[in-house]
Protein backbone atom coordinates (compact mmCIF):
# COMPACT_ATOMS: atom_id res chain seq x y z
CA MET A 1 -18.96 80.56 41.61
CA ARG A 2 -17.87 77.08 42.68
CA VAL A 3 -16.66 75.20 39.58
CA LEU A 4 -15.91 71.46 39.52
CA ILE A 5 -13.82 69.93 36.72
CA THR A 6 -13.76 66.15 36.36
CA GLY A 7 -10.95 64.51 34.41
CA ALA A 8 -8.88 67.42 35.67
CA SER A 9 -5.51 65.78 34.93
CA GLY A 10 -6.25 65.56 31.21
CA ALA A 11 -5.00 67.66 28.32
CA THR A 12 -8.25 69.61 27.89
CA ALA A 13 -8.49 70.47 31.57
CA SER A 14 -4.92 71.79 31.48
CA GLN A 15 -6.12 74.41 28.99
CA LEU A 16 -9.47 75.08 30.64
CA LEU A 17 -8.17 75.52 34.20
CA PRO A 18 -6.24 78.76 33.57
CA MET A 19 -9.20 80.27 31.69
CA LEU A 20 -11.61 79.59 34.53
CA SER A 21 -9.10 80.56 37.23
CA ASP A 22 -8.72 84.00 35.60
CA GLU A 23 -12.45 84.69 35.90
CA PRO A 24 -13.18 86.84 38.98
CA GLY A 25 -15.19 85.07 41.65
CA ASN A 26 -14.47 81.52 40.53
CA GLU A 27 -13.34 78.89 43.03
CA ILE A 28 -12.03 75.88 41.13
CA PHE A 29 -12.25 72.27 42.34
CA CYS A 30 -10.65 69.38 40.47
CA ALA A 31 -11.37 65.65 40.48
CA ASP A 32 -9.63 62.68 38.88
CA LEU A 33 -8.62 59.09 39.59
CA ALA A 34 -5.12 60.18 40.59
CA VAL A 35 -4.47 63.72 41.80
CA PRO A 36 -1.53 65.83 42.92
CA ALA A 37 -1.25 66.99 46.52
CA ARG A 38 -2.81 70.39 45.91
CA PRO A 39 -5.64 72.34 47.52
CA ASN A 40 -9.10 71.68 46.04
CA TRP A 41 -7.98 68.51 44.22
CA HIS A 42 -10.05 65.41 45.01
CA GLN A 43 -9.42 61.77 44.18
CA CYS A 44 -12.65 60.25 42.89
CA ASP A 45 -13.73 57.24 40.86
CA LEU A 46 -16.84 58.65 39.22
CA ALA A 47 -18.12 55.15 38.49
CA ASP A 48 -18.44 54.65 42.26
CA ARG A 49 -21.68 56.28 43.39
CA ASP A 50 -20.58 56.66 47.00
CA GLN A 51 -17.43 58.48 45.91
CA ILE A 52 -19.27 60.86 43.60
CA ASP A 53 -21.85 61.62 46.31
CA ALA A 54 -19.04 62.42 48.75
CA LEU A 55 -17.34 64.67 46.20
CA LEU A 56 -20.50 66.59 45.34
CA SER A 57 -21.45 66.92 48.99
CA THR A 58 -18.04 68.43 49.76
CA VAL A 59 -17.79 70.76 46.76
CA ARG A 60 -21.47 71.61 46.19
CA PRO A 61 -20.62 73.08 42.77
CA ASP A 62 -22.52 75.75 40.87
CA ARG A 63 -21.04 74.45 37.61
CA ILE A 64 -19.54 71.14 36.52
CA TYR A 65 -17.29 70.62 33.51
CA HIS A 66 -17.53 66.85 33.09
CA LEU A 67 -14.36 66.19 31.09
CA ALA A 68 -13.69 62.65 32.39
CA GLY A 69 -14.05 59.94 29.76
CA THR A 70 -12.37 57.03 28.01
CA PHE A 71 -12.08 55.99 24.36
CA SER A 72 -10.62 52.50 24.62
CA ASN A 73 -13.29 50.92 22.39
CA ASP A 74 -13.58 48.21 25.03
CA TYR A 75 -17.26 48.12 25.91
CA GLU A 76 -16.96 47.54 29.66
CA THR A 77 -14.29 50.22 30.06
CA ASP A 78 -16.02 52.89 28.00
CA TYR A 79 -19.48 52.13 29.36
CA ARG A 80 -18.23 52.39 32.94
CA CYS A 81 -16.61 55.79 32.41
CA ASN A 82 -18.75 57.41 29.73
CA VAL A 83 -22.19 56.19 30.78
CA ALA A 84 -22.25 54.83 34.34
CA ALA A 85 -20.03 57.63 35.68
CA THR A 86 -22.14 60.28 33.95
CA LYS A 87 -25.33 58.77 35.38
CA ASN A 88 -23.76 58.76 38.85
CA LEU A 89 -22.86 62.42 38.48
CA LEU A 90 -26.38 63.38 37.42
CA ASP A 91 -28.02 61.22 40.09
CA GLY A 92 -25.73 62.76 42.67
CA CYS A 93 -26.82 66.24 41.66
CA LEU A 94 -30.44 65.15 41.99
CA ALA A 95 -29.95 63.51 45.37
CA LEU A 96 -28.28 66.62 46.80
CA ASN A 97 -30.75 68.94 45.06
CA LEU A 98 -27.87 70.89 43.50
CA ALA A 99 -28.93 73.77 41.29
CA CYS A 100 -25.86 73.52 39.10
CA ARG A 101 -25.24 73.61 35.36
CA THR A 102 -23.27 70.70 33.89
CA LEU A 103 -21.38 70.53 30.60
CA LEU A 104 -21.07 67.04 29.12
CA ILE A 105 -18.59 66.13 26.39
CA GLY A 106 -19.91 64.18 23.41
CA SER A 107 -18.03 63.05 20.32
CA ALA A 108 -18.17 63.18 16.54
CA ALA A 109 -17.96 59.37 16.78
CA GLU A 110 -21.67 59.47 17.62
CA TYR A 111 -22.46 60.35 13.99
CA GLY A 112 -20.77 57.27 12.57
CA TRP A 113 -20.81 56.93 8.82
CA VAL A 114 -21.24 60.25 7.03
CA SER A 115 -21.35 60.51 3.25
CA ALA A 116 -19.59 63.30 1.38
CA ALA A 117 -22.93 64.97 0.61
CA GLU A 118 -23.82 65.11 4.34
CA ASN A 119 -20.78 67.19 5.27
CA PRO A 120 -20.47 69.46 7.13
CA VAL A 121 -22.46 67.39 9.61
CA ALA A 122 -24.92 69.25 11.86
CA GLU A 123 -26.16 68.38 15.34
CA ASP A 124 -29.49 67.02 14.06
CA HIS A 125 -27.78 64.39 11.89
CA PRO A 126 -28.87 60.85 12.87
CA LEU A 127 -26.59 59.17 15.39
CA ASP A 128 -25.31 55.91 13.95
CA PRO A 129 -21.95 55.03 15.59
CA VAL A 130 -19.63 52.46 14.04
CA ASN A 131 -17.52 51.74 17.14
CA VAL A 132 -18.01 51.05 20.85
CA TYR A 133 -16.73 54.45 21.96
CA GLY A 134 -19.25 56.25 19.76
CA LEU A 135 -22.01 53.98 21.04
CA THR A 136 -21.29 54.87 24.67
CA LYS A 137 -21.28 58.56 23.80
CA VAL A 138 -24.71 58.14 22.17
CA PHE A 139 -25.90 56.57 25.43
CA GLN A 140 -24.56 59.64 27.24
CA THR A 141 -26.45 61.95 24.88
CA HIS A 142 -29.69 60.10 25.56
CA LEU A 143 -29.00 60.34 29.31
CA MET A 144 -28.70 64.09 28.98
CA LYS A 145 -31.94 64.41 27.04
CA ALA A 146 -33.81 62.24 29.54
CA TYR A 147 -32.51 64.02 32.63
CA VAL A 148 -33.35 67.42 31.16
CA ALA A 149 -36.87 66.31 30.18
CA VAL A 150 -37.72 64.25 33.26
CA HIS A 151 -35.73 65.87 36.06
CA ARG A 152 -35.27 69.38 34.65
CA LEU A 153 -31.51 69.30 35.20
CA ASP A 154 -29.57 72.11 33.54
CA LEU A 155 -27.34 70.23 31.09
CA VAL A 156 -25.56 71.19 27.87
CA MET A 157 -23.27 69.19 25.61
CA ALA A 158 -20.22 69.92 23.50
CA ARG A 159 -19.99 67.30 20.73
CA THR A 160 -16.26 67.48 20.07
CA PHE A 161 -14.51 66.46 16.87
CA ASN A 162 -10.75 65.70 16.86
CA LEU A 163 -8.38 67.47 19.25
CA MET A 164 -4.88 68.56 18.35
CA GLY A 165 -2.17 69.59 20.81
CA ASP A 166 0.21 68.36 23.49
CA GLY A 167 -0.63 65.87 26.20
CA LEU A 168 -3.20 63.80 24.33
CA SER A 169 -3.64 60.09 25.04
CA ASN A 170 -1.77 57.65 22.80
CA GLN A 171 -5.14 56.07 22.08
CA LEU A 172 -5.71 59.03 19.75
CA PHE A 173 -3.87 59.44 16.43
CA VAL A 174 -2.22 62.75 17.38
CA GLY A 175 -1.20 61.52 20.84
CA ARG A 176 0.19 58.28 19.40
CA LEU A 177 2.10 60.20 16.72
CA GLN A 178 3.55 62.65 19.25
CA GLU A 179 4.71 59.74 21.40
CA GLN A 180 6.52 58.23 18.41
CA ILE A 181 8.01 61.59 17.44
CA ARG A 182 9.53 61.95 20.91
CA ALA A 183 10.89 58.40 20.71
CA TYR A 184 12.32 59.04 17.23
CA LEU A 185 14.02 62.30 18.25
CA SER A 186 15.57 60.59 21.29
CA GLY A 187 16.87 57.73 19.15
CA GLN A 188 14.66 55.08 20.70
CA ILE A 189 13.03 54.14 17.37
CA ALA A 190 14.24 54.38 13.78
CA ARG A 191 10.84 54.62 12.07
CA ILE A 192 7.50 56.28 12.83
CA LYS A 193 4.71 53.85 12.03
CA VAL A 194 1.27 55.03 10.92
CA GLY A 195 -1.85 53.51 9.43
CA ASN A 196 -4.28 54.82 6.81
CA LEU A 197 -3.48 58.41 5.82
CA ASP A 198 -6.17 58.82 3.15
CA SER A 199 -9.05 59.84 5.40
CA LYS A 200 -9.94 63.42 6.38
CA ARG A 201 -10.99 64.75 9.76
CA ASP A 202 -11.95 67.96 11.53
CA TYR A 203 -9.15 68.97 13.93
CA ILE A 204 -9.33 71.74 16.51
CA ALA A 205 -6.62 72.91 18.92
CA ILE A 206 -7.22 71.87 22.52
CA GLY A 207 -7.14 75.47 23.73
CA GLN A 208 -9.76 76.53 21.20
CA ALA A 209 -11.99 73.62 22.19
CA ALA A 210 -11.65 74.57 25.86
CA ALA A 211 -12.65 78.16 25.05
CA HIS A 212 -15.73 76.85 23.21
CA TYR A 213 -16.61 74.71 26.24
CA ARG A 214 -16.66 77.83 28.38
CA THR A 215 -18.87 79.60 25.82
CA ILE A 216 -21.32 76.69 25.75
CA MET A 217 -21.39 76.62 29.55
CA ASN A 218 -22.04 80.37 29.71
CA ARG A 219 -24.49 80.76 26.83
CA GLY A 220 -25.72 77.36 25.67
CA HIS A 221 -29.38 76.44 25.95
CA SER A 222 -30.25 73.66 28.39
CA GLY A 223 -30.68 70.29 26.70
CA GLU A 224 -28.88 71.36 23.53
CA VAL A 225 -25.87 69.83 21.78
CA TYR A 226 -23.22 71.99 20.10
CA ASN A 227 -20.62 70.72 17.64
CA VAL A 228 -17.10 71.79 18.62
CA GLY A 229 -14.66 71.66 15.72
CA SER A 230 -12.90 73.82 13.17
CA GLY A 231 -15.59 73.40 10.53
CA GLU A 232 -12.92 72.33 8.05
CA SER A 233 -11.76 69.01 6.62
CA LEU A 234 -8.04 68.25 7.01
CA PRO A 235 -6.38 65.28 5.28
CA ILE A 236 -4.60 63.09 7.83
CA ARG A 237 -1.60 63.01 5.50
CA GLU A 238 -1.38 66.80 5.64
CA LEU A 239 -1.63 66.81 9.43
CA LEU A 240 1.20 64.28 9.58
CA THR A 241 3.35 66.39 7.25
CA ARG A 242 2.81 69.49 9.40
CA LEU A 243 3.86 67.70 12.58
CA LEU A 244 6.95 66.22 10.93
CA MET A 245 8.02 69.62 9.60
CA THR A 246 7.59 71.17 13.05
CA HIS A 247 10.14 68.73 14.42
CA GLY A 248 12.41 68.62 11.36
CA ILE A 249 11.72 64.96 10.67
CA PRO A 250 12.11 63.80 7.03
CA PRO A 251 9.20 62.04 5.31
CA GLU A 252 11.45 59.01 4.83
CA ALA A 253 11.12 58.31 8.55
CA ILE A 254 7.48 57.29 8.06
CA GLU A 255 6.45 53.66 7.62
CA THR A 256 2.85 53.01 6.58
CA LEU A 257 1.42 49.81 7.99
CA PRO A 258 -1.47 47.75 6.59
CA ALA A 259 -4.74 47.95 8.49
CA ALA A 260 -4.63 45.85 11.66
CA ASN A 261 -8.39 45.26 11.52
CA VAL A 262 -9.66 44.72 7.98
CA ASN A 263 -13.24 44.76 9.25
CA LYS A 264 -12.94 48.25 10.76
CA LEU A 265 -15.10 50.84 9.01
CA ASP A 266 -12.94 53.88 8.28
CA ILE A 267 -15.04 56.95 7.48
CA PRO A 268 -13.40 58.76 4.53
CA ASP A 269 -14.33 62.31 5.54
CA ILE A 270 -16.25 63.99 8.35
CA TYR A 271 -16.21 67.59 9.53
CA ALA A 272 -18.45 69.77 11.64
CA ASN A 273 -21.14 72.28 10.88
CA ILE A 274 -20.38 74.83 13.62
CA GLU A 275 -23.06 77.41 12.79
CA LYS A 276 -24.99 76.63 15.98
CA LEU A 277 -21.87 77.14 18.10
CA LEU A 278 -20.97 80.39 16.35
CA ARG A 279 -24.45 81.77 17.06
CA LEU A 280 -23.60 81.71 20.76
């Protein structure tokens, strides 16, 4: 089985790679914007159609884990990576007539505002994003549905909630907090600065999410979306406390800042209904 992983330098891929490498018969190929000098690693800008065609022509994968993505909330940046790159990947598979299965990664941000009564939120909940990142992920979901219906591509989607673990981008709360914790422990900063701690989110360890991705790839039904989360609501304040305790940092080190964007809509609580995933 020839398996291609895009976004292979990211935190999720670092957990997924060993799992897939341990499966007998798998030959793993990795792609990212910048890559180490290792066998089967390919530099590729997925938003460049010529580059993606060259990659797919070389690898000719049986399976693709499309982990590449951005969450900058800048429209041009996120559209280029989350929508245009995904379309290039799917069009490349069509052009080369590849009979491969592709896993796409969606986001809980696609759901947008969710009331307390609507939790835990299921996959058939209306998609109503409240930020640019969520909007581009909705576009990606519609791409998947169209390419399954029109072109009969074999696509499945993991709609992931919030990841927790090492190596996350500082554009995410956990990654940003970990960066500050390292700086605090090394004496570079005297205070760890955070924003609103009153909201609640569904957090899942990166390794667990990667294992669910493999399950969805192996058993998911083509054209279907599967929530990937813990199925539980965790107060951000409690998550912060846990991380501080792990590193022996006193609560007094925390400084809570006022909201930088008063117009930003902060969803009080959202967590996943994972019954569909568990049925796999």
